[in-house]
């Protein structure tokens, strides 16, 4: 995955992720990020449960 920045004159467009590169590498990166978000979500819920108990 590559971040692509396009600029025209003084305006800068927001960064976008394009689909260039190896599909297997994109899949692995996607799964790593998804896993990190799941762990973060589970930790937040665990902390919330311990504070209300």
PDB file of N, CA and C in Angstrom:
ATOM      1  N   UNK A   1       0.842  -1.168   0.000  1.00  0.00           N
ATOM      2  CA  UNK A   1       0.000   0.000   0.000  1.00  0.00           C
ATOM      3  C   UNK A   1       0.887   1.231   0.000  1.00  0.00           C
ATOM      4  N   UNK A   2       0.475   2.171  -0.747  1.00  0.00           N
ATOM      5  CA  UNK A   2       1.207   3.424  -0.819  1.00  0.00           C
ATOM      6  C   UNK A   2       0.285   4.564  -0.459  1.00  0.00           C
ATOM      7  N   UNK A   3       0.825   5.536   0.265  1.00  0.00           N
ATOM      8  CA  UNK A   3       0.084   6.772   0.471  1.00  0.00           C
ATOM      9  C   UNK A   3       0.380   7.668  -0.708  1.00  0.00           C
ATOM     10  N   UNK A   4      -0.652   8.250  -1.260  1.00  0.00           N
ATOM     11  CA  UNK A   4      -0.476   9.092  -2.431  1.00  0.00           C
ATOM     12  C   UNK A   4      -0.933  10.503  -2.072  1.00  0.00           C
ATOM     13  N   UNK A   5      -0.112  11.464  -2.339  1.00  0.00           N
ATOM     14  CA  UNK A   5      -0.465  12.856  -2.076  1.00  0.00           C
ATOM     15  C   UNK A   5      -0.482  13.592  -3.409  1.00  0.00           C
ATOM     16  N   UNK A   6      -1.598  14.212  -3.701  1.00  0.00           N
ATOM     17  CA  UNK A   6      -1.753  14.963  -4.940  1.00  0.00           C
ATOM     18  C   UNK A   6      -1.862  16.435  -4.590  1.00  0.00           C
ATOM     19  N   UNK A   7      -1.125  17.264  -5.270  1.00  0.00           N
ATOM     20  CA  UNK A   7      -1.258  18.694  -5.036  1.00  0.00           C
ATOM     21  C   UNK A   7      -1.389  19.427  -6.362  1.00  0.00           C
ATOM     22  N   UNK A   8      -2.197  20.429  -6.347  1.00  0.00           N
ATOM     23  CA  UNK A   8      -2.396  21.252  -7.521  1.00  0.00           C
ATOM     24  C   UNK A   8      -2.321  22.703  -7.075  1.00  0.00           C
ATOM     25  N   UNK A   9      -1.287  23.400  -7.474  1.00  0.00           N
ATOM     26  CA  UNK A   9      -1.107  24.774  -7.022  1.00  0.00           C
ATOM     27  C   UNK A   9      -0.883  24.808  -5.527  1.00  0.00           C
ATOM     28  N   UNK A  10      -1.680  25.579  -4.808  1.00  0.00           N
ATOM     29  CA  UNK A  10      -1.524  25.677  -3.366  1.00  0.00           C
ATOM     30  C   UNK A  10      -2.428  24.738  -2.594  1.00  0.00           C
ATOM     31  N   UNK A  11      -3.279  23.973  -3.296  1.00  0.00           N
ATOM     32  CA  UNK A  11      -4.205  23.078  -2.610  1.00  0.00           C
ATOM     33  C   UNK A  11      -3.592  21.697  -2.470  1.00  0.00           C
ATOM     34  N   UNK A  12      -3.766  21.098  -1.290  1.00  0.00           N
ATOM     35  CA  UNK A  12      -3.288  19.733  -1.077  1.00  0.00           C
ATOM     36  C   UNK A  12      -4.483  18.831  -0.847  1.00  0.00           C
ATOM     37  N   UNK A  13      -4.540  17.761  -1.595  1.00  0.00           N
ATOM     38  CA  UNK A  13      -5.610  16.791  -1.433  1.00  0.00           C
ATOM     39  C   UNK A  13      -5.252  15.881  -0.264  1.00  0.00           C
ATOM     40  N   UNK A  14      -6.253  15.346   0.397  1.00  0.00           N
ATOM     41  CA  UNK A  14      -6.015  14.438   1.521  1.00  0.00           C
ATOM     42  C   UNK A  14      -5.277  13.192   1.042  1.00  0.00           C
ATOM     43  N   UNK A  15      -4.495  12.606   1.941  1.00  0.00           N
ATOM     44  CA  UNK A  15      -3.780  11.377   1.605  1.00  0.00           C
ATOM     45  C   UNK A  15      -4.775  10.248   1.382  1.00  0.00           C
ATOM     46  N   UNK A  16      -4.459   9.405   0.426  1.00  0.00           N
ATOM     47  CA  UNK A  16      -5.282   8.241   0.139  1.00  0.00           C
ATOM     48  C   UNK A  16      -4.383   7.026   0.080  1.00  0.00           C
ATOM     49  N   UNK A  17      -4.957   5.883   0.367  1.00  0.00           N
ATOM     50  CA  UNK A  17      -4.217   4.630   0.222  1.00  0.00           C
ATOM     51  C   UNK A  17      -4.668   3.991  -1.084  1.00  0.00           C
ATOM     52  N   UNK A  18      -3.715   3.734  -1.968  1.00  0.00           N
ATOM     53  CA  UNK A  18      -4.090   3.078  -3.216  1.00  0.00           C
ATOM     54  C   UNK A  18      -3.800   1.582  -3.115  1.00  0.00           C
ATOM     55  N   UNK A  19      -4.126   0.858  -4.145  1.00  0.00           N
ATOM     56  CA  UNK A  19      -4.023  -0.594  -4.096  1.00  0.00           C
ATOM     57  C   UNK A  19      -2.827  -1.129  -4.868  1.00  0.00           C
ATOM     58  N   UNK A  20      -1.782  -0.330  -4.992  1.00  0.00           N
ATOM     59  CA  UNK A  20      -0.582  -0.819  -5.654  1.00  0.00           C
ATOM     60  C   UNK A  20       0.151  -1.770  -4.734  1.00  0.00           C
ATOM     61  N   UNK A  21       0.937  -2.656  -5.295  1.00  0.00           N
ATOM     62  CA  UNK A  21       1.753  -3.561  -4.485  1.00  0.00           C
ATOM     63  C   UNK A  21       1.176  -4.963  -4.448  1.00  0.00           C
ATOM     64  N   UNK A  22       1.828  -5.809  -3.674  1.00  0.00           N
ATOM     65  CA  UNK A  22       1.432  -7.207  -3.596  1.00  0.00           C
ATOM     66  C   UNK A  22       0.134  -7.370  -2.829  1.00  0.00           C
ATOM     67  N   UNK A  23      -0.762  -8.151  -3.377  1.00  0.00           N
ATOM     68  CA  UNK A  23      -2.036  -8.374  -2.700  1.00  0.00           C
ATOM     69  C   UNK A  23      -1.841  -9.137  -1.400  1.00  0.00           C
ATOM     70  N   UNK A  24      -0.877 -10.056  -1.358  1.00  0.00           N
ATOM     71  CA  UNK A  24      -0.646 -10.815  -0.115  1.00  0.00           C
ATOM     72  C   UNK A  24      -0.121  -9.904   0.993  1.00  0.00           C
ATOM     73  N   UNK A  25       0.728  -8.943   0.642  1.00  0.00           N
ATOM     74  CA  UNK A  25       1.238  -7.997   1.639  1.00  0.00           C
ATOM     75  C   UNK A  25       0.126  -7.090   2.140  1.00  0.00           C
ATOM     76  N   UNK A  26      -0.770  -6.664   1.235  1.00  0.00           N
ATOM     77  CA  UNK A  26      -1.919  -5.850   1.653  1.00  0.00           C
ATOM     78  C   UNK A  26      -2.819  -6.630   2.597  1.00  0.00           C
ATOM     79  N   UNK A  27      -3.036  -7.910   2.298  1.00  0.00           N
ATOM     80  CA  UNK A  27      -3.891  -8.744   3.142  1.00  0.00           C
ATOM     81  C   UNK A  27      -3.296  -8.898   4.538  1.00  0.00           C
ATOM     82  N   UNK A  28      -2.002  -9.160   4.610  1.00  0.00           N
ATOM     83  CA  UNK A  28      -1.338  -9.320   5.906  1.00  0.00           C
ATOM     84  C   UNK A  28      -1.415  -8.019   6.704  1.00  0.00           C
ATOM     85  N   UNK A  29      -1.185  -6.887   6.054  1.00  0.00           N
ATOM     86  CA  UNK A  29      -1.252  -5.600   6.739  1.00  0.00           C
ATOM     87  C   UNK A  29      -2.672  -5.328   7.238  1.00  0.00           C
ATOM     88  N   UNK A  30      -3.664  -5.630   6.420  1.00  0.00           N
ATOM     89  CA  UNK A  30      -5.055  -5.433   6.813  1.00  0.00           C
ATOM     90  C   UNK A  30      -5.392  -6.283   8.036  1.00  0.00           C
ATOM     91  N   UNK A  31      -4.977  -7.543   8.037  1.00  0.00           N
ATOM     92  CA  UNK A  31      -5.264  -8.433   9.155  1.00  0.00           C
ATOM     93  C   UNK A  31      -4.542  -7.982  10.428  1.00  0.00           C
ATOM     94  N   UNK A  32      -3.327  -7.478  10.301  1.00  0.00           N
ATOM     95  CA  UNK A  32      -2.597  -6.969  11.474  1.00  0.00           C
ATOM     96  C   UNK A  32      -3.335  -5.788  12.086  1.00  0.00           C
ATOM     97  N   UNK A  33      -3.781  -4.856  11.267  1.00  0.00           N
ATOM     98  CA  UNK A  33      -4.487  -3.683  11.771  1.00  0.00           C
ATOM     99  C   UNK A  33      -5.814  -4.095  12.394  1.00  0.00           C
ATOM    100  N   UNK A  34      -6.537  -5.000  11.751  1.00  0.00           N
ATOM    101  CA  UNK A  34      -7.811  -5.467  12.294  1.00  0.00           C
ATOM    102  C   UNK A  34      -7.613  -6.145  13.648  1.00  0.00           C
ATOM    103  N   UNK A  35      -6.578  -6.938  13.765  1.00  0.00           N
ATOM    104  CA  UNK A  35      -6.275  -7.611  15.023  1.00  0.00           C
ATOM    105  C   UNK A  35      -5.945  -6.610  16.128  1.00  0.00           C
ATOM    106  N   UNK A  36      -5.152  -5.581  15.804  1.00  0.00           N
ATOM    107  CA  UNK A  36      -4.811  -4.566  16.800  1.00  0.00           C
ATOM    108  C   UNK A  36      -6.054  -3.832  17.282  1.00  0.00           C
ATOM    109  N   UNK A  37      -6.976  -3.531  16.361  1.00  0.00           N
ATOM    110  CA  UNK A  37      -8.202  -2.846  16.748  1.00  0.00           C
ATOM    111  C   UNK A  37      -9.093  -3.729  17.620  1.00  0.00           C
ATOM    112  N   UNK A  38      -9.146  -5.024  17.333  1.00  0.00           N
ATOM    113  CA  UNK A  38      -9.934  -5.940  18.158  1.00  0.00           C
ATOM    114  C   UNK A  38      -9.372  -6.018  19.568  1.00  0.00           C
ATOM    115  N   UNK A  39      -8.056  -6.088  19.691  1.00  0.00           N
ATOM    116  CA  UNK A  39      -7.416  -6.153  21.006  1.00  0.00           C
ATOM    117  C   UNK A  39      -7.676  -4.869  21.778  1.00  0.00           C
ATOM    118  N   UNK A  40      -7.574  -3.732  21.103  1.00  0.00           N
ATOM    119  CA  UNK A  40      -7.829  -2.446  21.753  1.00  0.00           C
ATOM    120  C   UNK A  40      -9.268  -2.383  22.239  1.00  0.00           C
ATOM    121  N   UNK A  41     -10.199  -2.823  21.411  1.00  0.00           N
ATOM    122  CA  UNK A  41     -11.614  -2.807  21.784  1.00  0.00           C
ATOM    123  C   UNK A  41     -11.857  -3.707  23.002  1.00  0.00           C
ATOM    124  N   UNK A  42     -11.277  -4.893  23.017  1.00  0.00           N
ATOM    125  CA  UNK A  42     -11.453  -5.816  24.135  1.00  0.00           C
ATOM    126  C   UNK A  42     -10.864  -5.230  25.417  1.00  0.00           C
ATOM    127  N   UNK A  43      -9.742  -4.549  25.317  1.00  0.00           N
ATOM    128  CA  UNK A  43      -9.118  -3.936  26.484  1.00  0.00           C
ATOM    129  C   UNK A  43      -9.996  -2.821  27.045  1.00  0.00           C
ATOM    130  N   UNK A  44     -10.567  -2.012  26.188  1.00  0.00           N
ATOM    131  CA  UNK A  44     -11.448  -0.926  26.643  1.00  0.00           C
ATOM    132  C   UNK A  44     -12.657  -1.501  27.373  1.00  0.00           C
ATOM    133  N   UNK A  45     -13.240  -2.556  26.829  1.00  0.00           N
ATOM    134  CA  UNK A  45     -14.406  -3.175  27.474  1.00  0.00           C
ATOM    135  C   UNK A  45     -14.015  -3.768  28.823  1.00  0.00           C
ATOM    136  N   UNK A  46     -12.873  -4.430  28.893  1.00  0.00           N
ATOM    137  CA  UNK A  46     -12.403  -5.018  30.146  1.00  0.00           C
ATOM    138  C   UNK A  46     -12.186  -3.942  31.200  1.00  0.00           C
ATOM    139  N   UNK A  47     -11.557  -2.846  30.828  1.00  0.00           N
ATOM    140  CA  UNK A  47     -11.337  -1.757  31.775  1.00  0.00           C
ATOM    141  C   UNK A  47     -12.657  -1.147  32.234  1.00  0.00           C
ATOM    142  N   UNK A  48     -13.598  -1.015  31.330  1.00  0.00           N
ATOM    143  CA  UNK A  48     -14.903  -0.452  31.676  1.00  0.00           C
ATOM    144  C   UNK A  48     -15.627  -1.368  32.661  1.00  0.00           C
ATOM    145  N   UNK A  49     -15.587  -2.674  32.437  1.00  0.00           N
ATOM    146  CA  UNK A  49     -16.258  -3.636  33.328  1.00  0.00           C
ATOM    147  C   UNK A  49     -15.616  -3.595  34.715  1.00  0.00           C
ATOM    148  N   UNK A  50     -14.309  -3.514  34.788  1.00  0.00           N
ATOM    149  CA  UNK A  50     -13.657  -3.485  36.094  1.00  0.00           C
ATOM    150  C   UNK A  50     -13.936  -2.206  36.858  1.00  0.00           C
ATOM    151  N   UNK A  51     -14.168  -1.108  36.150  1.00  0.00           N
ATOM    152  CA  UNK A  51     -14.458   0.146  36.854  1.00  0.00           C
ATOM    153  C   UNK A  51     -15.885   0.194  37.366  1.00  0.00           C
ATOM    154  N   UNK A  52     -16.829  -0.488  36.690  1.00  0.00           N
ATOM    155  CA  UNK A  52     -18.216  -0.446  37.174  1.00  0.00           C
ATOM    156  C   UNK A  52     -18.494  -1.543  38.195  1.00  0.00           C
ATOM    157  N   UNK A  53     -17.597  -2.506  38.355  1.00  0.00           N
ATOM    158  CA  UNK A  53     -17.827  -3.595  39.323  1.00  0.00           C
ATOM    159  C   UNK A  53     -17.360  -3.214  40.686  1.00  0.00           C
TER     160      UNK A  53
END
